[in-house]
N, C-alpha and C. Protein backbone atom coordinates (compact mmCIF):
# COMPACT_ATOMS: atom_id res chain seq x y z
N MET A 1 1.04 -1.05 -0.36
CA MET A 1 -0.11 -0.15 0.21
C MET A 1 0.99 1.08 -0.35
N GLU A 2 0.09 2.26 -1.12
CA GLU A 2 1.10 3.64 -1.36
C GLU A 2 0.14 4.63 -0.46
N LEU A 3 0.84 5.24 1.00
CA LEU A 3 -0.34 6.57 0.42
C LEU A 3 0.65 8.00 0.18
N SER A 4 0.12 8.98 -0.46
CA SER A 4 0.06 10.28 -0.26
C SER A 4 -0.29 11.01 -0.55
N ASP A 5 0.30 12.24 -0.55
CA ASP A 5 -0.64 13.43 -0.46
C ASP A 5 -1.45 13.67 0.68
N CYS A 6 -0.34 13.43 1.99
CA CYS A 6 -0.31 13.01 3.18
C CYS A 6 0.04 13.56 4.05
N SER A 7 0.51 14.12 5.68
CA SER A 7 1.20 14.21 6.13
C SER A 7 1.77 12.86 6.79
N ALA A 8 2.35 12.84 8.01
CA ALA A 8 3.05 11.90 8.68
C ALA A 8 1.98 11.35 9.48
N HIS A 9 1.69 12.36 9.89
CA HIS A 9 0.51 11.78 10.68
C HIS A 9 -0.33 11.37 10.08
N ASP A 10 -1.62 11.36 9.28
CA ASP A 10 -2.36 10.64 8.34
C ASP A 10 -1.47 9.26 8.36
N ALA A 11 -0.86 9.71 7.52
CA ALA A 11 0.42 8.00 7.30
C ALA A 11 0.09 6.93 8.34
N ALA A 12 0.29 7.87 9.58
CA ALA A 12 0.30 6.80 10.56
C ALA A 12 -0.84 6.40 11.08
N ALA A 13 -1.56 7.35 11.17
CA ALA A 13 -3.54 7.00 11.37
C ALA A 13 -3.67 5.31 10.72
N VAL A 14 -3.22 5.40 9.03
CA VAL A 14 -3.60 5.24 8.44
C VAL A 14 -3.44 3.41 8.98
N PHE A 15 -1.79 3.44 8.83
CA PHE A 15 -1.11 2.44 9.09
C PHE A 15 -1.20 1.54 10.42
N ASP A 16 -1.30 2.61 11.05
CA ASP A 16 -1.94 2.23 12.86
C ASP A 16 -3.30 1.41 12.58
N VAL A 17 -4.16 1.85 11.96
CA VAL A 17 -5.49 1.01 12.18
C VAL A 17 -5.22 -0.46 10.99
N LEU A 18 -4.29 -0.32 10.07
CA LEU A 18 -3.84 -1.59 9.75
C LEU A 18 -3.38 -2.05 10.31
N ARG A 19 -2.48 -2.24 10.73
CA ARG A 19 -1.46 -2.75 11.43
C ARG A 19 -2.34 -2.86 12.70
N THR A 20 -2.80 -2.77 13.27
CA THR A 20 -4.20 -3.80 14.29
C THR A 20 -4.77 -5.01 14.09
N ALA A 21 -5.39 -4.60 13.01
CA ALA A 21 -6.61 -5.36 12.33
C ALA A 21 -5.58 -6.75 11.63
N PHE A 22 -4.02 -6.28 11.27
CA PHE A 22 -3.14 -7.50 10.21
C PHE A 22 -2.14 -6.95 11.08
N PRO A 23 -2.40 -7.90 12.42
CA PRO A 23 -0.78 -7.56 13.19
C PRO A 23 0.72 -8.53 12.76
N GLN A 24 0.59 -9.22 11.70
CA GLN A 24 1.44 -9.97 10.38
C GLN A 24 2.36 -8.71 9.63
N ALA A 25 1.54 -7.82 9.52
CA ALA A 25 2.28 -7.07 8.66
C ALA A 25 4.52 -6.65 8.83
N SER A 26 4.33 -6.59 7.51
CA SER A 26 5.98 -6.46 7.60
C SER A 26 6.27 -5.57 8.46
N PRO A 27 7.34 -5.52 8.88
CA PRO A 27 8.15 -3.87 9.83
C PRO A 27 8.33 -3.27 8.23
N ALA A 28 8.36 -2.01 8.75
CA ALA A 28 8.45 -0.76 7.63
C ALA A 28 8.90 0.39 8.64
N ASP A 29 9.38 1.30 7.90
CA ASP A 29 9.62 2.60 7.87
C ASP A 29 8.08 3.47 8.67
N ARG A 30 8.46 3.76 9.73
CA ARG A 30 6.60 4.30 10.12
C ARG A 30 7.04 5.72 10.05
N PRO A 31 5.77 6.39 9.54
CA PRO A 31 5.69 7.97 9.50
C PRO A 31 5.77 8.29 10.77
N GLY A 32 6.53 9.26 11.40
CA GLY A 32 6.81 9.79 12.68
C GLY A 32 7.79 9.74 13.71
N GLY A 33 8.98 9.12 12.69
CA GLY A 33 9.64 8.40 13.55
C GLY A 33 11.05 9.45 13.87
N ALA A 34 10.95 10.13 14.03
CA ALA A 34 11.79 11.72 14.66
C ALA A 34 11.46 10.71 16.33
N ASP A 35 10.68 11.02 17.07
CA ASP A 35 9.91 10.93 17.78
C ASP A 35 10.97 9.69 19.12
N GLY A 36 11.34 8.75 17.97
CA GLY A 36 11.37 7.66 18.97
C GLY A 36 10.55 6.10 18.30
N SER A 37 9.50 6.81 17.80
CA SER A 37 8.04 5.67 17.73
C SER A 37 7.72 4.93 16.46
N GLY A 38 9.02 5.59 15.50
CA GLY A 38 8.80 4.59 14.15
C GLY A 38 10.06 4.43 13.60
N GLY A 39 9.88 4.34 12.52
CA GLY A 39 11.50 4.45 11.11
C GLY A 39 11.72 5.81 11.07
N PRO A 40 12.77 6.32 10.39
CA PRO A 40 13.06 7.41 9.31
C PRO A 40 11.77 8.55 9.13
N VAL A 41 11.96 9.61 9.44
CA VAL A 41 10.56 10.80 8.57
C VAL A 41 10.97 11.23 7.67
N ALA A 42 10.32 11.08 6.51
CA ALA A 42 11.10 11.20 4.76
C ALA A 42 10.96 13.09 4.69
N THR A 43 11.69 13.86 4.34
CA THR A 43 11.62 14.93 4.21
C THR A 43 11.78 15.07 2.74
N PRO A 44 11.26 16.71 2.41
CA PRO A 44 11.01 16.80 1.02
C PRO A 44 12.74 16.65 0.43
N ALA A 45 13.70 16.58 1.05
CA ALA A 45 14.99 16.24 0.78
C ALA A 45 15.19 14.54 0.23
N ASP A 46 14.33 13.97 0.52
CA ASP A 46 14.21 12.49 0.61
C ASP A 46 14.30 12.31 -0.79
N THR A 47 12.83 13.16 -1.13
CA THR A 47 12.05 12.70 -2.67
C THR A 47 12.45 13.49 -3.62
N GLY A 48 13.48 14.97 -3.23
CA GLY A 48 14.14 15.57 -4.33
C GLY A 48 13.35 16.78 -4.20
N ALA A 49 13.95 17.94 -4.85
CA ALA A 49 13.56 19.28 -4.89
C ALA A 49 12.09 19.44 -5.04
N GLY A 50 10.26 19.93 -4.33
CA GLY A 50 9.67 20.10 -4.94
C GLY A 50 8.75 18.65 -4.88
N GLY A 51 9.63 17.59 -4.54
CA GLY A 51 8.86 16.01 -4.87
C GLY A 51 7.66 15.95 -3.86
N ALA A 52 7.00 14.89 -4.08
CA ALA A 52 5.99 14.51 -2.76
C ALA A 52 6.30 13.10 -2.26
N THR A 53 5.97 13.31 -0.80
CA THR A 53 6.65 11.98 -0.22
C THR A 53 5.29 10.83 -0.31
N VAL A 54 6.21 10.15 -0.47
CA VAL A 54 4.93 8.60 -1.18
C VAL A 54 5.51 7.81 0.64
N TRP A 55 4.40 7.14 1.49
CA TRP A 55 4.99 6.59 2.27
C TRP A 55 4.23 4.93 1.79
N THR A 56 4.97 3.67 2.27
CA THR A 56 4.75 2.44 1.68
C THR A 56 4.56 1.65 3.08
N GLU A 57 3.98 -0.11 2.55
CA GLU A 57 3.80 -0.36 3.86
C GLU A 57 3.11 -2.12 3.47
N THR A 58 3.57 -2.85 3.34
CA THR A 58 3.59 -4.12 3.05
C THR A 58 2.48 -4.94 4.07
N PHE A 59 1.14 -5.31 3.66
CA PHE A 59 0.32 -6.53 4.39
C PHE A 59 0.48 -7.88 3.87
N ASP A 60 0.38 -8.86 5.24
CA ASP A 60 -0.30 -10.08 4.25
C ASP A 60 -1.54 -10.14 5.30
N ILE A 61 -2.64 -10.04 4.77
CA ILE A 61 -3.97 -10.21 4.97
C ILE A 61 -4.52 -11.91 4.77
N SER A 62 -3.90 -12.78 4.74
CA SER A 62 -4.10 -13.69 4.68
C SER A 62 -4.86 -14.43 5.98
N GLY A 63 -4.81 -13.75 6.76
CA GLY A 63 -5.29 -13.73 7.92
C GLY A 63 -6.18 -12.83 8.94
N ALA A 64 -6.89 -12.41 7.12
CA ALA A 64 -7.96 -10.69 7.32
C ALA A 64 -8.53 -11.04 8.49
N ALA A 65 -8.77 -10.07 8.79
CA ALA A 65 -9.98 -9.40 9.98
C ALA A 65 -11.09 -9.09 9.42
N ASP A 66 -11.83 -9.73 10.39
CA ASP A 66 -13.35 -10.01 9.93
C ASP A 66 -13.87 -8.86 10.20
N ALA A 67 -13.59 -8.10 11.57
CA ALA A 67 -13.95 -6.66 12.06
C ALA A 67 -13.39 -5.41 12.31
N VAL A 68 -13.64 -4.74 11.86
CA VAL A 68 -12.87 -3.84 12.38
C VAL A 68 -12.10 -3.92 14.64
N PRO A 69 -11.23 -3.97 14.91
CA PRO A 69 -11.07 -4.13 16.14
C PRO A 69 -11.73 -3.25 16.87
N PRO A 70 -11.66 -3.40 18.59
CA PRO A 70 -12.48 -2.09 18.87
C PRO A 70 -11.24 -1.83 19.30
N GLY A 71 -11.87 -0.23 19.66
CA GLY A 71 -11.10 0.89 19.58
C GLY A 71 -10.16 1.51 18.13
N ALA A 72 -10.13 0.81 17.24
CA ALA A 72 -9.69 1.13 15.87
C ALA A 72 -10.31 2.12 15.29
N ALA A 73 -9.97 3.52 14.90
CA ALA A 73 -10.73 4.54 14.80
C ALA A 73 -9.93 5.56 13.93
N GLY A 74 -9.60 5.29 12.40
CA GLY A 74 -8.59 6.71 11.61
C GLY A 74 -8.88 8.04 12.11
N THR A 75 -8.57 8.99 12.87
CA THR A 75 -9.02 10.17 12.44
C THR A 75 -7.73 10.93 11.09
N LEU A 76 -8.19 11.51 10.54
CA LEU A 76 -7.66 12.11 9.46
C LEU A 76 -7.13 13.92 9.23
N THR A 77 -6.34 14.41 9.31
CA THR A 77 -6.85 15.91 9.13
C THR A 77 -6.87 16.71 7.41
N ARG A 78 -7.27 15.44 6.53
CA ARG A 78 -7.18 15.53 5.72
C ARG A 78 -7.32 14.70 4.24
N PRO A 79 -8.00 14.70 3.35
CA PRO A 79 -7.71 13.16 2.42
C PRO A 79 -6.70 12.49 2.40
N VAL A 80 -6.74 11.86 2.14
CA VAL A 80 -5.43 10.80 2.19
C VAL A 80 -5.96 9.41 0.58
N SER A 81 -4.70 9.71 -0.15
CA SER A 81 -4.71 8.88 -1.23
C SER A 81 -3.82 8.03 -1.00
N ALA A 82 -4.80 6.49 -1.85
CA ALA A 82 -4.30 5.44 -1.26
C ALA A 82 -3.94 4.31 -2.34
N ASP A 83 -2.98 4.02 -2.47
CA ASP A 83 -2.61 3.21 -3.75
C ASP A 83 -2.66 1.27 -3.45
N VAL A 84 -3.78 0.84 -3.85
CA VAL A 84 -3.72 -0.99 -3.43
C VAL A 84 -2.88 -1.28 -4.24
N GLN A 85 -1.94 -2.17 -4.33
CA GLN A 85 -1.70 -3.76 -5.09
C GLN A 85 -1.42 -5.18 -4.35
N GLY A 86 -2.26 -5.76 -5.35
CA GLY A 86 -2.21 -7.28 -5.08
C GLY A 86 -3.00 -7.84 -5.71
N GLY A 87 -3.24 -9.63 -5.58
CA GLY A 87 -4.45 -9.81 -5.85
C GLY A 87 -5.70 -9.42 -5.73
N TYR A 88 -6.81 -9.93 -6.38
CA TYR A 88 -8.14 -9.93 -7.06
C TYR A 88 -8.72 -9.41 -5.51
N LEU A 89 -8.72 -10.95 -4.92
CA LEU A 89 -9.22 -10.98 -3.13
C LEU A 89 -8.34 -10.32 -2.49
N ALA A 90 -6.96 -9.84 -2.54
CA ALA A 90 -6.30 -9.32 -1.33
C ALA A 90 -6.97 -7.87 -0.87
N VAL A 91 -7.14 -7.54 -2.56
CA VAL A 91 -7.33 -5.95 -2.52
C VAL A 91 -8.52 -5.79 -2.06
N ASP A 92 -9.51 -6.80 -2.67
CA ASP A 92 -11.21 -6.47 -2.22
C ASP A 92 -11.09 -6.38 -0.49
N GLN A 93 -10.48 -7.25 0.26
CA GLN A 93 -10.87 -7.81 1.59
C GLN A 93 -9.92 -6.06 2.03
N LEU A 94 -8.85 -6.16 1.70
CA LEU A 94 -8.04 -4.86 2.00
C LEU A 94 -9.04 -3.77 1.73
N ARG A 95 -9.74 -3.17 0.69
CA ARG A 95 -10.82 -1.68 0.81
C ARG A 95 -11.77 -1.99 1.12
N ALA A 96 -11.96 -2.94 1.55
CA ALA A 96 -13.86 -3.80 2.28
C ALA A 96 -13.18 -2.98 3.42
N PHE A 97 -11.95 -3.87 4.70
CA PHE A 97 -11.78 -3.49 5.97
C PHE A 97 -11.50 -1.81 5.97
N LEU A 98 -10.78 -1.43 4.76
CA LEU A 98 -10.24 0.60 5.23
C LEU A 98 -12.24 0.73 4.82
N ALA A 99 -12.96 0.58 4.19
CA ALA A 99 -14.79 1.14 4.31
C ALA A 99 -14.94 0.87 4.93
N SER A 100 -14.31 -0.17 6.38
CA SER A 100 -14.49 -0.21 7.69
C SER A 100 -14.43 0.90 8.98
N VAL A 101 -13.42 1.39 8.32
CA VAL A 101 -12.56 2.79 9.23
C VAL A 101 -13.36 3.93 8.47
N PHE A 102 -12.66 3.75 7.40
CA PHE A 102 -12.72 5.59 6.76
C PHE A 102 -13.89 5.74 5.47
N ALA A 103 -13.94 6.64 5.44
CA ALA A 103 -14.75 7.14 3.53
C ALA A 103 -14.06 6.41 2.53
N VAL A 104 -14.17 5.56 2.21
CA VAL A 104 -13.63 5.24 0.74
C VAL A 104 -14.52 5.58 -0.21
N SER A 105 -13.71 6.08 -1.47
CA SER A 105 -14.10 6.53 -2.44
C SER A 105 -13.35 5.86 -3.38
N GLY A 106 -14.18 5.07 -4.51
CA GLY A 106 -12.56 4.15 -5.86
C GLY A 106 -12.57 5.58 -6.41
N GLU A 107 -11.58 5.74 -6.87
CA GLU A 107 -10.64 7.07 -8.00
C GLU A 107 -10.40 6.46 -9.47
N GLY A 108 -10.60 4.25 -9.10
CA GLY A 108 -9.41 4.20 -10.22
C GLY A 108 -8.76 3.27 -9.94
N ALA A 109 -8.52 1.82 -11.36
CA ALA A 109 -8.37 0.74 -11.07
C ALA A 109 -8.11 0.30 -12.27
N ALA A 110 -6.98 -0.66 -12.01
CA ALA A 110 -6.54 -1.25 -13.44
C ALA A 110 -6.26 -2.64 -12.68
N PHE A 111 -6.71 -3.24 -13.97
CA PHE A 111 -6.32 -4.91 -13.80
C PHE A 111 -5.89 -5.60 -14.71
N GLY A 112 -4.71 -6.51 -14.31
CA GLY A 112 -4.58 -7.49 -14.48
C GLY A 112 -4.59 -8.76 -15.17
N ASP A 113 -3.63 -9.84 -15.11
CA ASP A 113 -4.15 -11.23 -15.35
C ASP A 113 -4.05 -11.56 -13.78
N GLN A 114 -3.06 -11.83 -12.64
CA GLN A 114 -3.03 -12.03 -11.33
C GLN A 114 -3.51 -11.28 -11.09
N GLU A 115 -3.04 -9.61 -11.19
CA GLU A 115 -3.56 -8.43 -9.74
C GLU A 115 -3.84 -7.20 -10.02
N LYS A 116 -4.25 -6.82 -9.12
CA LYS A 116 -4.75 -5.39 -9.08
C LYS A 116 -4.79 -4.07 -8.68
N ASP A 117 -4.32 -3.13 -9.48
CA ASP A 117 -4.04 -1.87 -8.75
C ASP A 117 -5.45 -0.59 -8.67
N VAL A 118 -5.70 0.01 -7.63
CA VAL A 118 -6.44 0.26 -6.85
C VAL A 118 -6.31 1.66 -6.13
N HIS A 119 -6.83 3.04 -6.73
CA HIS A 119 -6.80 4.29 -6.58
C HIS A 119 -7.86 4.55 -5.72
N LEU A 120 -7.29 4.66 -4.37
CA LEU A 120 -8.51 4.96 -3.77
C LEU A 120 -8.36 6.88 -2.85
N CYS A 121 -9.40 7.27 -2.58
CA CYS A 121 -9.35 8.26 -1.49
C CYS A 121 -9.93 8.64 -0.05
N LEU A 122 -9.23 8.55 0.42
CA LEU A 122 -9.56 8.33 2.57
C LEU A 122 -10.15 8.70 2.96
N ALA A 123 -11.03 9.70 4.05
CA ALA A 123 -11.47 10.74 4.43
C ALA A 123 -12.42 9.94 5.68
N ASN A 124 -11.98 10.46 6.74
CA ASN A 124 -13.09 10.46 8.11
C ASN A 124 -14.61 10.32 7.34
N ARG A 125 -14.69 9.08 9.32
CA ARG A 125 -16.81 9.34 8.16
C ARG A 125 -17.52 9.96 8.74
């Protein structure tokens, strides 16, 4: 999953909810790491002059959560763009889970032989 057009706080809000539901998620650089809570913080210098920051993390949803974990609520300061890639079933399950926590609108999709790439917009409910 890739998140863009968002702050480190918003990226952490999305990824923290997903980590709660899918604890087997692979370790990755967490947004907001300057205070010791995660990995390195991306800055404009990391992405080039005027470039956008993109937050990424990989989730294994083979043990997919059926329901939103208690207390799982994402609060975003503004809408977040999310790109999800993977197998058809995995992408559909991840999108359904996101829709149980955030307001989700689909903005585009590309379909391959065995993979699907979906662009979503996440916002507060």
